[in-house]
Amino acid sequence: MADVAAMAGVSSQTVSRVANNRENVDASTRERVLAAMKMLGYRPNTAARALVTGRFGTLGVISFDISAYGNARTFAAISDAAREADLFVNFMGARAQTGAAVRQAFQQLMVQSVDGIILIESQILDTPELRLPSTVPVVFADGDTGHRYANVDIDQAEGTRSVVAHLLGLGHRTVWHVAGPRDSYAARRRAEAWHRSLKDAGSVVPPLLYGDWSATSGYRAGRELAGRPEVTAIFASNDQMALGVMRALQEAGRRVPQDVSVTGFDDVPEAAFFPAPLTTVRQDFDAVGRHCVTLLLEQIGGGTGSPRQASVAPVLVVRESTAPPAG
């Protein structure tokens, strides 16, 4: 720090203010200090900074499955937003779907000195109510917190209603649903909204089929549905399962969308290039991740009051996998 101060012609206190992003430094001085830091390869001592500011400059993220499309996109957005705020991100996986596993991941991140923690897509656990230590702020992404913690969620119900309304509007009498795993909050919300939408429309509610988010599970459900001549419209709870459904229908000689309309949920980059470009619901995971960081920083900065709940609106994307029923 003394070397930087000497090169920039300022005091060590000014270097400290620049290093800690304080605002009481004029622009020209800040530029000289930053240039000196770059030339000398100076990096702030995070431990020393924490003693002064009371913050470590690091956010923690917990997820059950970071390989899932939505979780990966959310994590990428969190990382981008954190980097823009000059923060680091530490990740911790929680494979077991238990409250104990989540608390263990939480404690492991606490040992790494994080200022706050984001939990991506909390699953339905073995305990009806998850209670975490109150030592650091927490934000949930796509989870049911019971309003105990701040939460950012995509409006799953609205996305599902738009799919069902689209298919019924084309003239289909009902819509069959391939749901996601029973332990997923997102899958449960979509299944509940699908059921409610059909009931409100006066349509018959057909039996529910379940998958595990994979194309393989969609294929298995699709083989069962392909053998039912009354099936003219299928809503898969994600795009990968919709792809599996399409493959099963094709093998059974049922054309998409001429014989059966198929929709998904997520709008993965490949959705527009499926054998029949997929009608689906676009989820803005980038917005979810950035909202999570915003809510977390508000709490870290001393925000008070009830935990904030933020909702991100989904968008129905109509492509060529849906059409009016034959005849």
C-alpha atoms as a PDB file:
ATOM      1  CA  MET A   1       0.000   0.000   0.000  1.00  0.00           C
ATOM      2  CA  ALA A   2       2.896   2.343   0.781  1.00  0.00           C
ATOM      3  CA  ASP A   3       4.410   1.647  -2.650  1.00  0.00           C
ATOM      4  CA  VAL A   4       1.080   2.417  -4.363  1.00  0.00           C
ATOM      5  CA  ALA A   5       0.726   5.617  -2.333  1.00  0.00           C
ATOM      6  CA  ALA A   6       4.226   6.741  -3.276  1.00  0.00           C
ATOM      7  CA  MET A   7       3.739   6.040  -6.989  1.00  0.00           C
ATOM      8  CA  ALA A   8       0.339   7.774  -7.095  1.00  0.00           C
ATOM      9  CA  GLY A   9       1.496  10.686  -4.919  1.00  0.00           C
ATOM     10  CA  VAL A  10      -1.234  10.183  -2.333  1.00  0.00           C
ATOM     11  CA  SER A  11      -1.537   9.018   1.254  1.00  0.00           C
ATOM     12  CA  SER A  12      -1.987   5.400   2.331  1.00  0.00           C
ATOM     13  CA  GLN A  13      -5.444   6.364   3.597  1.00  0.00           C
ATOM     14  CA  THR A  14      -6.430   7.434   0.065  1.00  0.00           C
ATOM     15  CA  VAL A  15      -5.192   4.101  -1.321  1.00  0.00           C
ATOM     16  CA  SER A  16      -7.314   2.355   1.320  1.00  0.00           C
ATOM     17  CA  ARG A  17     -10.374   4.387   0.353  1.00  0.00           C
ATOM     18  CA  VAL A  18      -9.920   3.464  -3.321  1.00  0.00           C
ATOM     19  CA  ALA A  19      -9.322  -0.209  -2.467  1.00  0.00           C
ATOM     20  CA  ASN A  20     -12.553  -0.256  -0.461  1.00  0.00           C
ATOM     21  CA  ASN A  21     -14.568   1.576  -3.154  1.00  0.00           C
ATOM     22  CA  ARG A  22     -15.270   4.566  -0.943  1.00  0.00           C
ATOM     23  CA  GLU A  23     -16.889   7.516  -2.704  1.00  0.00           C
ATOM     24  CA  ASN A  24     -14.920  10.360  -1.066  1.00  0.00           C
ATOM     25  CA  VAL A  25     -12.092  10.256  -3.639  1.00  0.00           C
ATOM     26  CA  ASP A  26     -12.146  12.511  -6.704  1.00  0.00           C
ATOM     27  CA  ALA A  27     -12.076  10.845 -10.119  1.00  0.00           C
ATOM     28  CA  SER A  28      -8.582  11.888 -11.204  1.00  0.00           C
ATOM     29  CA  THR A  29      -7.026  10.721  -7.932  1.00  0.00           C
ATOM     30  CA  ARG A  30      -8.893   7.421  -8.130  1.00  0.00           C
ATOM     31  CA  GLU A  31      -7.549   6.859 -11.656  1.00  0.00           C
ATOM     32  CA  ARG A  32      -3.949   7.517 -10.523  1.00  0.00           C
ATOM     33  CA  VAL A  33      -4.299   5.094  -7.630  1.00  0.00           C
ATOM     34  CA  LEU A  34      -5.882   2.389  -9.797  1.00  0.00           C
ATOM     35  CA  ALA A  35      -3.130   2.809 -12.399  1.00  0.00           C
ATOM     36  CA  ALA A  36      -0.476   2.438  -9.691  1.00  0.00           C
ATOM     37  CA  MET A  37      -2.237  -0.652  -8.315  1.00  0.00           C
ATOM     38  CA  LYS A  38      -2.248  -2.222 -11.766  1.00  0.00           C
ATOM     39  CA  MET A  39       1.392  -1.390 -12.478  1.00  0.00           C
ATOM     40  CA  LEU A  40       2.588  -2.750  -9.125  1.00  0.00           C
ATOM     41  CA  GLY A  41       0.269  -5.762  -9.101  1.00  0.00           C
ATOM     42  CA  TYR A  42      -1.308  -4.620  -5.834  1.00  0.00           C
ATOM     43  CA  ARG A  43      -4.155  -6.674  -4.386  1.00  0.00           C
ATOM     44  CA  PRO A  44      -6.007  -5.654  -1.231  1.00  0.00           C
ATOM     45  CA  ASN A  45      -5.545  -7.856   1.824  1.00  0.00           C
ATOM     46  CA  THR A  46      -9.051  -9.265   2.275  1.00  0.00           C
ATOM     47  CA  ALA A  47      -8.457 -10.189   5.920  1.00  0.00           C
ATOM     48  CA  ALA A  48      -7.323  -6.668   6.721  1.00  0.00           C
ATOM     49  CA  ARG A  49     -10.236  -5.226   4.765  1.00  0.00           C
ATOM     50  CA  ALA A  50     -12.664  -7.398   6.750  1.00  0.00           C
ATOM     51  CA  LEU A  51     -11.269  -6.005  10.008  1.00  0.00           C
ATOM     52  CA  VAL A  52     -11.971  -2.466   8.797  1.00  0.00           C
ATOM     53  CA  THR A  53     -15.283  -2.929   6.986  1.00  0.00           C
ATOM     54  CA  GLY A  54     -16.739  -5.931   8.802  1.00  0.00           C
ATOM     55  CA  ARG A  55     -17.268  -7.649   5.429  1.00  0.00           C
ATOM     56  CA  PHE A  56     -15.376 -10.388   3.638  1.00  0.00           C
ATOM     57  CA  GLY A  57     -16.403  -9.506   0.082  1.00  0.00           C
ATOM     58  CA  THR A  58     -17.609 -13.052  -0.625  1.00  0.00           C
ATOM     59  CA  LEU A  59     -21.061 -14.527  -1.251  1.00  0.00           C
ATOM     60  CA  GLY A  60     -21.924 -18.189  -0.776  1.00  0.00           C
ATOM     61  CA  VAL A  61     -24.172 -20.241  -3.069  1.00  0.00           C
ATOM     62  CA  ILE A  62     -25.785 -23.608  -2.285  1.00  0.00           C
ATOM     63  CA  SER A  63     -27.503 -25.806  -4.884  1.00  0.00           C
ATOM     64  CA  PHE A  64     -28.684 -29.414  -5.081  1.00  0.00           C
ATOM     65  CA  ASP A  65     -27.924 -29.813  -8.782  1.00  0.00           C
ATOM     66  CA  ILE A  66     -25.829 -27.154 -10.470  1.00  0.00           C
ATOM     67  CA  SER A  67     -25.882 -29.150 -13.739  1.00  0.00           C
ATOM     68  CA  ALA A  68     -29.599 -28.462 -14.284  1.00  0.00           C
ATOM     69  CA  TYR A  69     -30.138 -25.787 -16.946  1.00  0.00           C
ATOM     70  CA  GLY A  70     -32.031 -23.309 -14.792  1.00  0.00           C
ATOM     71  CA  ASN A  71     -29.699 -23.701 -11.820  1.00  0.00           C
ATOM     72  CA  ALA A  72     -26.608 -23.292 -13.988  1.00  0.00           C
ATOM     73  CA  ARG A  73     -27.990 -20.153 -15.639  1.00  0.00           C
ATOM     74  CA  THR A  74     -28.990 -18.696 -12.261  1.00  0.00           C
ATOM     75  CA  PHE A  75     -25.546 -19.393 -10.819  1.00  0.00           C
ATOM     76  CA  ALA A  76     -23.864 -17.790 -13.837  1.00  0.00           C
ATOM     77  CA  ALA A  77     -25.975 -14.644 -13.356  1.00  0.00           C
ATOM     78  CA  ILE A  78     -25.162 -14.564  -9.629  1.00  0.00           C
ATOM     79  CA  SER A  79     -21.462 -14.811 -10.450  1.00  0.00           C
ATOM     80  CA  ASP A  80     -21.705 -12.007 -13.032  1.00  0.00           C
ATOM     81  CA  ALA A  81     -23.604  -9.709 -10.669  1.00  0.00           C
ATOM     82  CA  ALA A  82     -21.174 -10.438  -7.826  1.00  0.00           C
ATOM     83  CA  ARG A  83     -18.167  -9.729 -10.021  1.00  0.00           C
ATOM     84  CA  GLU A  84     -19.684  -6.401 -11.083  1.00  0.00           C
ATOM     85  CA  ALA A  85     -20.036  -5.559  -7.381  1.00  0.00           C
ATOM     86  CA  ASP A  86     -16.371  -6.529  -6.827  1.00  0.00           C
ATOM     87  CA  LEU A  87     -17.359  -9.632  -4.831  1.00  0.00           C
ATOM     88  CA  PHE A  88     -16.224 -13.250  -4.912  1.00  0.00           C
ATOM     89  CA  VAL A  89     -18.506 -16.307  -4.977  1.00  0.00           C
ATOM     90  CA  ASN A  90     -17.977 -19.626  -3.168  1.00  0.00           C
ATOM     91  CA  PHE A  91     -20.104 -22.612  -4.191  1.00  0.00           C
ATOM     92  CA  MET A  92     -21.200 -25.556  -2.054  1.00  0.00           C
ATOM     93  CA  GLY A  93     -23.261 -28.498  -3.327  1.00  0.00           C
ATOM     94  CA  ALA A  94     -25.901 -30.197  -1.175  1.00  0.00           C
ATOM     95  CA  ARG A  95     -26.654 -33.564  -2.754  1.00  0.00           C
ATOM     96  CA  ALA A  96     -28.807 -35.031   0.002  1.00  0.00           C
ATOM     97  CA  GLN A  97     -32.317 -33.583   0.122  1.00  0.00           C
ATOM     98  CA  THR A  98     -32.411 -33.169   3.886  1.00  0.00           C
ATOM     99  CA  GLY A  99     -32.495 -30.216   6.193  1.00  0.00           C
ATOM    100  CA  ALA A 100     -29.321 -31.532   7.823  1.00  0.00           C
ATOM    101  CA  ALA A 101     -27.471 -31.512   4.473  1.00  0.00           C
ATOM    102  CA  VAL A 102     -28.499 -27.920   3.785  1.00  0.00           C
ATOM    103  CA  ARG A 103     -27.429 -26.811   7.260  1.00  0.00           C
ATOM    104  CA  GLN A 104     -24.095 -28.605   6.802  1.00  0.00           C
ATOM    105  CA  ALA A 105     -23.471 -26.802   3.500  1.00  0.00           C
ATOM    106  CA  PHE A 106     -24.470 -23.575   5.221  1.00  0.00           C
ATOM    107  CA  GLN A 107     -21.950 -24.132   8.011  1.00  0.00           C
ATOM    108  CA  GLN A 108     -19.199 -25.043   5.539  1.00  0.00           C
ATOM    109  CA  LEU A 109     -19.723 -21.743   3.748  1.00  0.00           C
ATOM    110  CA  MET A 110     -19.730 -19.905   7.071  1.00  0.00           C
ATOM    111  CA  VAL A 111     -16.271 -21.333   7.804  1.00  0.00           C
ATOM    112  CA  GLN A 112     -15.141 -19.783   4.498  1.00  0.00           C
ATOM    113  CA  SER A 113     -16.201 -16.342   5.791  1.00  0.00           C
ATOM    114  CA  VAL A 114     -19.074 -15.326   3.498  1.00  0.00           C
ATOM    115  CA  ASP A 115     -21.212 -12.212   3.915  1.00  0.00           C
ATOM    116  CA  GLY A 116     -24.452 -13.857   2.751  1.00  0.00           C
ATOM    117  CA  ILE A 117     -25.791 -17.054   1.188  1.00  0.00           C
ATOM    118  CA  ILE A 118     -28.072 -17.791  -1.787  1.00  0.00           C
ATOM    119  CA  LEU A 119     -29.835 -21.151  -1.967  1.00  0.00           C
ATOM    120  CA  ILE A 120     -30.780 -22.096  -5.560  1.00  0.00           C
ATOM    121  CA  GLU A 121     -33.930 -24.162  -6.139  1.00  0.00           C
ATOM    122  CA  SER A 122     -34.507 -25.520  -2.676  1.00  0.00           C
ATOM    123  CA  GLN A 123     -36.097 -28.951  -2.883  1.00  0.00           C
ATOM    124  CA  ILE A 124     -38.872 -30.381  -0.759  1.00  0.00           C
ATOM    125  CA  LEU A 125     -36.850 -31.724   2.167  1.00  0.00           C
ATOM    126  CA  ASP A 126     -37.401 -34.252   4.918  1.00  0.00           C
ATOM    127  CA  THR A 127     -38.507 -31.457   7.223  1.00  0.00           C
ATOM    128  CA  PRO A 128     -41.574 -29.277   6.635  1.00  0.00           C
ATOM    129  CA  GLU A 129     -39.792 -26.064   7.600  1.00  0.00           C
ATOM    130  CA  LEU A 130     -36.140 -25.240   6.998  1.00  0.00           C
ATOM    131  CA  ARG A 131     -34.546 -23.136   9.721  1.00  0.00           C
ATOM    132  CA  LEU A 132     -31.062 -21.752   9.124  1.00  0.00           C
ATOM    133  CA  PRO A 133     -28.734 -19.926  11.511  1.00  0.00           C
ATOM    134  CA  SER A 134     -29.440 -16.196  11.594  1.00  0.00           C
ATOM    135  CA  THR A 135     -25.761 -15.253  11.526  1.00  0.00           C
ATOM    136  CA  VAL A 136     -25.739 -14.197   7.839  1.00  0.00           C
ATOM    137  CA  PRO A 137     -28.416 -12.957   5.401  1.00  0.00           C
ATOM    138  CA  VAL A 138     -30.059 -15.607   3.182  1.00  0.00           C
ATOM    139  CA  VAL A 139     -31.904 -15.400  -0.152  1.00  0.00           C
ATOM    140  CA  PHE A 140     -33.734 -18.283  -1.817  1.00  0.00           C
ATOM    141  CA  ALA A 141     -33.985 -18.656  -5.598  1.00  0.00           C
ATOM    142  CA  ASP A 142     -36.981 -20.653  -6.788  1.00  0.00           C
ATOM    143  CA  GLY A 143     -37.938 -22.082  -3.421  1.00  0.00           C
ATOM    144  CA  ASP A 144     -40.740 -22.070  -0.871  1.00  0.00           C
ATOM    145  CA  THR A 145     -39.475 -20.171   2.171  1.00  0.00           C
ATOM    146  CA  GLY A 146     -42.826 -19.553   3.814  1.00  0.00           C
ATOM    147  CA  HIS A 147     -41.799 -15.862   3.716  1.00  0.00           C
ATOM    148  CA  ARG A 148     -39.199 -16.585   6.417  1.00  0.00           C
ATOM    149  CA  TYR A 149     -36.387 -15.586   4.049  1.00  0.00           C
ATOM    150  CA  ALA A 150     -36.052 -13.282   1.076  1.00  0.00           C
ATOM    151  CA  ASN A 151     -37.008 -15.105  -2.108  1.00  0.00           C
ATOM    152  CA  VAL A 152     -36.779 -14.607  -5.881  1.00  0.00           C
ATOM    153  CA  ASP A 153     -39.023 -16.790  -7.993  1.00  0.00           C
ATOM    154  CA  ILE A 154     -40.288 -17.065 -11.531  1.00  0.00           C
ATOM    155  CA  ASP A 155     -44.092 -17.029 -11.633  1.00  0.00           C
ATOM    156  CA  GLN A 156     -44.531 -20.724 -12.376  1.00  0.00           C
ATOM    157  CA  ALA A 157     -48.309 -20.526 -12.172  1.00  0.00           C
ATOM    158  CA  GLU A 158     -48.555 -17.727 -14.737  1.00  0.00           C
ATOM    159  CA  GLY A 159     -46.243 -19.564 -17.137  1.00  0.00           C
ATOM    160  CA  THR A 160     -48.325 -22.719 -16.835  1.00  0.00           C
ATOM    161  CA  ARG A 161     -51.606 -20.860 -17.273  1.00  0.00           C
ATOM    162  CA  SER A 162     -50.303 -19.339 -20.494  1.00  0.00           C
ATOM    163  CA  VAL A 163     -49.436 -22.801 -21.866  1.00  0.00           C
ATOM    164  CA  VAL A 164     -52.812 -24.303 -20.991  1.00  0.00           C
ATOM    165  CA  ALA A 165     -54.699 -21.278 -22.345  1.00  0.00           C
ATOM    166  CA  HIS A 166     -52.706 -21.462 -25.590  1.00  0.00           C
ATOM    167  CA  LEU A 167     -53.483 -25.155 -26.130  1.00  0.00           C
ATOM    168  CA  LEU A 168     -57.165 -24.872 -25.190  1.00  0.00           C
ATOM    169  CA  GLY A 169     -57.409 -21.803 -27.399  1.00  0.00           C
ATOM    170  CA  LEU A 170     -56.231 -23.892 -30.343  1.00  0.00           C
ATOM    171  CA  GLY A 171     -59.228 -26.167 -29.810  1.00  0.00           C
ATOM    172  CA  HIS A 172     -57.794 -29.034 -27.750  1.00  0.00           C
ATOM    173  CA  ARG A 173     -60.345 -30.417 -25.302  1.00  0.00           C
ATOM    174  CA  THR A 174     -57.786 -31.003 -22.572  1.00  0.00           C
ATOM    175  CA  VAL A 175     -54.037 -31.020 -21.932  1.00  0.00           C
ATOM    176  CA  TRP A 176     -52.014 -33.968 -20.606  1.00  0.00           C
ATOM    177  CA  HIS A 177     -49.122 -33.143 -18.310  1.00  0.00           C
ATOM    178  CA  VAL A 178     -45.721 -34.746 -17.780  1.00  0.00           C
ATOM    179  CA  ALA A 179     -44.683 -33.262 -14.449  1.00  0.00           C
ATOM    180  CA  GLY A 180     -41.212 -32.907 -12.979  1.00  0.00           C
ATOM    181  CA  PRO A 181     -40.019 -34.686  -9.820  1.00  0.00           C
ATOM    182  CA  ARG A 182     -42.332 -34.761  -6.818  1.00  0.00           C
ATOM    183  CA  ASP A 183     -39.617 -33.208  -4.638  1.00  0.00           C
ATOM    184  CA  SER A 184     -39.277 -30.060  -6.785  1.00  0.00           C
ATOM    185  CA  TYR A 185     -41.130 -26.905  -5.786  1.00  0.00           C
ATOM    186  CA  ALA A 186     -41.109 -25.677  -9.392  1.00  0.00           C
ATOM    187  CA  ALA A 187     -42.586 -28.954 -10.669  1.00  0.00           C
ATOM    188  CA  ARG A 188     -45.245 -28.950  -7.959  1.00  0.00           C
ATOM    189  CA  ARG A 189     -46.271 -25.365  -8.730  1.00  0.00           C
ATOM    190  CA  ARG A 190     -46.585 -26.132 -12.435  1.00  0.00           C
ATOM    191  CA  ALA A 191     -48.635 -29.283 -11.789  1.00  0.00           C
ATOM    192  CA  GLU A 192     -50.952 -27.423  -9.413  1.00  0.00           C
ATOM    193  CA  ALA A 193     -51.418 -24.563 -11.901  1.00  0.00           C
ATOM    194  CA  TRP A 194     -52.070 -27.038 -14.748  1.00  0.00           C
ATOM    195  CA  HIS A 195     -54.766 -28.784 -12.689  1.00  0.00           C
ATOM    196  CA  ARG A 196     -56.353 -25.500 -11.617  1.00  0.00           C
ATOM    197  CA  SER A 197     -56.291 -24.054 -15.141  1.00  0.00           C
ATOM    198  CA  LEU A 198     -58.089 -27.056 -16.612  1.00  0.00           C
ATOM    199  CA  LYS A 199     -60.687 -27.030 -13.815  1.00  0.00           C
ATOM    200  CA  ASP A 200     -61.314 -23.307 -14.279  1.00  0.00           C
ATOM    201  CA  ALA A 201     -61.772 -23.868 -18.022  1.00  0.00           C
ATOM    202  CA  GLY A 202     -64.263 -26.682 -17.440  1.00  0.00           C
ATOM    203  CA  SER A 203     -61.954 -29.219 -19.094  1.00  0.00           C
ATOM    204  CA  VAL A 204     -61.419 -32.816 -18.017  1.00  0.00           C
ATOM    205  CA  VAL A 205     -58.271 -33.221 -15.904  1.00  0.00           C
ATOM    206  CA  PRO A 206     -56.425 -36.311 -17.185  1.00  0.00           C
ATOM    207  CA  PRO A 207     -54.118 -38.498 -15.061  1.00  0.00           C
ATOM    208  CA  LEU A 208     -50.776 -36.930 -14.199  1.00  0.00           C
ATOM    209  CA  LEU A 209     -47.506 -38.513 -15.328  1.00  0.00           C
ATOM    210  CA  TYR A 210     -44.158 -37.854 -13.657  1.00  0.00           C
ATOM    211  CA  GLY A 211     -40.621 -37.537 -14.981  1.00  0.00           C
ATOM    212  CA  ASP A 212     -37.258 -36.538 -13.533  1.00  0.00           C
ATOM    213  CA  TRP A 213     -36.435 -33.601 -15.845  1.00  0.00           C
ATOM    214  CA  SER A 214     -34.504 -35.867 -18.245  1.00  0.00           C
ATOM    215  CA  ALA A 215     -35.305 -36.569 -21.899  1.00  0.00           C
ATOM    216  CA  THR A 216     -35.290 -40.278 -21.005  1.00  0.00           C
ATOM    217  CA  SER A 217     -38.128 -39.845 -18.523  1.00  0.00           C
ATOM    218  CA  GLY A 218     -40.036 -37.766 -21.074  1.00  0.00           C
ATOM    219  CA  TYR A 219     -39.560 -40.559 -23.601  1.00  0.00           C
ATOM    220  CA  ARG A 220     -41.015 -43.114 -21.167  1.00  0.00           C
ATOM    221  CA  ALA A 221     -44.056 -40.906 -20.517  1.00  0.00           C
ATOM    222  CA  GLY A 222     -44.369 -40.205 -24.244  1.00  0.00           C
ATOM    223  CA  ARG A 223     -44.520 -43.921 -25.051  1.00  0.00           C
ATOM    224  CA  GLU A 224     -47.433 -44.297 -22.643  1.00  0.00           C
ATOM    225  CA  LEU A 225     -49.250 -41.258 -24.040  1.00  0.00           C
ATOM    226  CA  ALA A 226     -48.589 -42.187 -27.681  1.00  0.00           C
ATOM    227  CA  GLY A 227     -50.790 -45.242 -27.241  1.00  0.00           C
ATOM    228  CA  ARG A 228     -53.792 -43.127 -26.226  1.00  0.00           C
ATOM    229  CA  PRO A 229     -55.676 -41.852 -29.292  1.00  0.00           C
ATOM    230  CA  GLU A 230     -57.499 -39.265 -27.163  1.00  0.00           C
ATOM    231  CA  VAL A 231     -54.224 -37.451 -26.407  1.00  0.00           C
ATOM    232  CA  THR A 232     -53.932 -34.396 -28.676  1.00  0.00           C
ATOM    233  CA  ALA A 233     -51.962 -31.966 -26.459  1.00  0.00           C
ATOM    234  CA  ILE A 234     -49.085 -32.569 -24.017  1.00  0.00           C
ATOM    235  CA  PHE A 235     -47.460 -30.089 -21.664  1.00  0.00           C
ATOM    236  CA  ALA A 236     -44.058 -31.294 -20.429  1.00  0.00           C
ATOM    237  CA  SER A 237     -42.712 -29.555 -17.347  1.00  0.00           C
ATOM    238  CA  ASN A 238     -39.373 -28.822 -19.008  1.00  0.00           C
ATOM    239  CA  ASP A 239     -37.889 -28.797 -22.504  1.00  0.00           C
ATOM    240  CA  GLN A 240     -35.736 -31.903 -22.078  1.00  0.00           C
ATOM    241  CA  MET A 241     -38.770 -34.021 -21.213  1.00  0.00           C
ATOM    242  CA  ALA A 242     -40.643 -32.458 -24.132  1.00  0.00           C
ATOM    243  CA  LEU A 243     -37.835 -33.664 -26.426  1.00  0.00           C
ATOM    244  CA  GLY A 244     -38.239 -37.203 -25.088  1.00  0.00           C
ATOM    245  CA  VAL A 245     -42.008 -37.021 -25.587  1.00  0.00           C
ATOM    246  CA  MET A 246     -41.495 -35.929 -29.205  1.00  0.00           C
ATOM    247  CA  ARG A 247     -39.193 -38.865 -29.882  1.00  0.00           C
ATOM    248  CA  ALA A 248     -41.722 -41.355 -28.472  1.00  0.00           C
ATOM    249  CA  LEU A 249     -44.554 -39.849 -30.526  1.00  0.00           C
ATOM    250  CA  GLN A 250     -42.437 -39.986 -33.679  1.00  0.00           C
ATOM    251  CA  GLU A 251     -41.629 -43.673 -33.120  1.00  0.00           C
ATOM    252  CA  ALA A 252     -45.342 -44.376 -32.665  1.00  0.00           C
ATOM    253  CA  GLY A 253     -46.170 -42.653 -35.963  1.00  0.00           C
ATOM    254  CA  ARG A 254     -47.875 -39.675 -34.349  1.00  0.00           C
ATOM    255  CA  ARG A 255     -46.798 -36.382 -35.880  1.00  0.00           C
ATOM    256  CA  VAL A 256     -46.012 -33.174 -33.990  1.00  0.00           C
ATOM    257  CA  PRO A 257     -47.987 -30.927 -34.239  1.00  0.00           C
ATOM    258  CA  GLN A 258     -50.385 -32.428 -36.821  1.00  0.00           C
ATOM    259  CA  ASP A 259     -51.526 -35.246 -34.508  1.00  0.00           C
ATOM    260  CA  VAL A 260     -50.279 -34.106 -31.106  1.00  0.00           C
ATOM    261  CA  SER A 261     -49.204 -30.649 -29.897  1.00  0.00           C
ATOM    262  CA  VAL A 262     -46.265 -30.621 -27.479  1.00  0.00           C
ATOM    263  CA  THR A 263     -45.056 -27.806 -25.217  1.00  0.00           C
ATOM    264  CA  GLY A 264     -42.213 -27.468 -22.742  1.00  0.00           C
ATOM    265  CA  PHE A 265     -40.971 -25.048 -20.086  1.00  0.00           C
ATOM    266  CA  ASP A 266     -37.604 -23.191 -19.836  1.00  0.00           C
ATOM    267  CA  ASP A 267     -36.789 -22.259 -23.458  1.00  0.00           C
ATOM    268  CA  VAL A 268     -33.340 -23.839 -23.516  1.00  0.00           C
ATOM    269  CA  PRO A 269     -31.138 -22.602 -26.398  1.00  0.00           C
ATOM    270  CA  GLU A 270     -31.799 -25.824 -28.346  1.00  0.00           C
ATOM    271  CA  ALA A 271     -35.608 -25.521 -28.131  1.00  0.00           C
ATOM    272  CA  ALA A 272     -35.851 -23.601 -31.402  1.00  0.00           C
ATOM    273  CA  PHE A 273     -33.992 -26.426 -33.161  1.00  0.00           C
ATOM    274  CA  PHE A 274     -36.030 -29.445 -32.002  1.00  0.00           C
ATOM    275  CA  PRO A 275     -37.491 -31.605 -34.842  1.00  0.00           C
ATOM    276  CA  ALA A 276     -40.567 -29.411 -34.399  1.00  0.00           C
ATOM    277  CA  PRO A 277     -39.360 -26.074 -32.970  1.00  0.00           C
ATOM    278  CA  LEU A 278     -40.744 -26.133 -29.454  1.00  0.00           C
ATOM    279  CA  THR A 279     -43.483 -23.934 -28.041  1.00  0.00           C
ATOM    280  CA  THR A 280     -42.340 -23.305 -24.483  1.00  0.00           C
ATOM    281  CA  VAL A 281     -42.172 -20.849 -21.599  1.00  0.00           C
ATOM    282  CA  ARG A 282     -39.083 -18.676 -21.376  1.00  0.00           C
ATOM    283  CA  GLN A 283     -37.715 -18.207 -17.868  1.00  0.00           C
ATOM    284  CA  ASP A 284     -35.381 -15.276 -17.285  1.00  0.00           C
ATOM    285  CA  PHE A 285     -32.817 -16.981 -15.051  1.00  0.00           C
ATOM    286  CA  ASP A 286     -30.420 -14.073 -15.531  1.00  0.00           C
ATOM    287  CA  ALA A 287     -32.947 -11.772 -13.879  1.00  0.00           C
ATOM    288  CA  VAL A 288     -33.445 -14.270 -11.042  1.00  0.00           C
ATOM    289  CA  GLY A 289     -29.722 -14.439 -10.302  1.00  0.00           C
ATOM    290  CA  ARG A 290     -29.262 -10.689 -10.395  1.00  0.00           C
ATOM    291  CA  HIS A 291     -32.312 -10.102  -8.190  1.00  0.00           C
ATOM    292  CA  CYS A 292     -30.852 -12.572  -5.670  1.00  0.00           C
ATOM    293  CA  VAL A 293     -27.619 -10.607  -5.420  1.00  0.00           C
ATOM    294  CA  THR A 294     -29.535  -7.320  -5.119  1.00  0.00           C
ATOM    295  CA  LEU A 295     -31.691  -8.630  -2.250  1.00  0.00           C
ATOM    296  CA  LEU A 296     -28.675 -10.133  -0.521  1.00  0.00           C
ATOM    297  CA  LEU A 297     -26.677  -6.905  -0.747  1.00  0.00           C
ATOM    298  CA  GLU A 298     -29.659  -4.980   0.637  1.00  0.00           C
ATOM    299  CA  GLN A 299     -29.613  -7.219   3.712  1.00  0.00           C
ATOM    300  CA  ILE A 300     -25.823  -7.066   4.038  1.00  0.00           C
ATOM    301  CA  GLY A 301     -26.098  -3.277   3.884  1.00  0.00           C
ATOM    302  CA  GLY A 302     -28.407  -3.270   6.878  1.00  0.00           C
ATOM    303  CA  GLY A 303     -31.828  -3.491   5.244  1.00  0.00           C
ATOM    304  CA  THR A 304     -34.573  -4.155   7.754  1.00  0.00           C
ATOM    305  CA  GLY A 305     -38.206  -5.158   7.710  1.00  0.00           C
ATOM    306  CA  SER A 306     -39.913  -8.260   6.348  1.00  0.00           C
ATOM    307  CA  PRO A 307     -37.894 -10.383   3.886  1.00  0.00           C
ATOM    308  CA  ARG A 308     -38.576  -9.193   0.354  1.00  0.00           C
ATOM    309  CA  GLN A 309     -40.267 -11.490  -2.158  1.00  0.00           C
ATOM    310  CA  ALA A 310     -39.499 -10.830  -5.828  1.00  0.00           C
ATOM    311  CA  SER A 311     -41.216 -12.445  -8.808  1.00  0.00           C
ATOM    312  CA  VAL A 312     -39.956 -12.627 -12.391  1.00  0.00           C
ATOM    313  CA  ALA A 313     -42.572 -12.872 -15.153  1.00  0.00           C
ATOM    314  CA  PRO A 314     -42.197 -15.737 -17.670  1.00  0.00           C
ATOM    315  CA  VAL A 315     -42.982 -15.394 -21.382  1.00  0.00           C
ATOM    316  CA  LEU A 316     -44.815 -17.868 -23.628  1.00  0.00           C
ATOM    317  CA  VAL A 317     -42.818 -18.487 -26.823  1.00  0.00           C
ATOM    318  CA  VAL A 318     -45.015 -19.950 -29.553  1.00  0.00           C
ATOM    319  CA  ARG A 319     -43.231 -22.002 -32.207  1.00  0.00           C
ATOM    320  CA  GLU A 320     -44.166 -24.863 -34.519  1.00  0.00           C
ATOM    321  CA  SER A 321     -44.812 -27.723 -32.086  1.00  0.00           C
ATOM    322  CA  THR A 322     -48.415 -26.654 -31.425  1.00  0.00           C
ATOM    323  CA  ALA A 323     -51.413 -26.486 -33.750  1.00  0.00           C
ATOM    324  CA  PRO A 324     -55.182 -27.033 -33.716  1.00  0.00           C
ATOM    325  CA  PRO A 325     -56.203 -30.670 -33.277  1.00  0.00           C
ATOM    326  CA  ALA A 326     -56.717 -32.737 -36.401  1.00  0.00           C
ATOM    327  CA  GLY A 327     -60.248 -32.557 -37.787  1.00  0.00           C
END
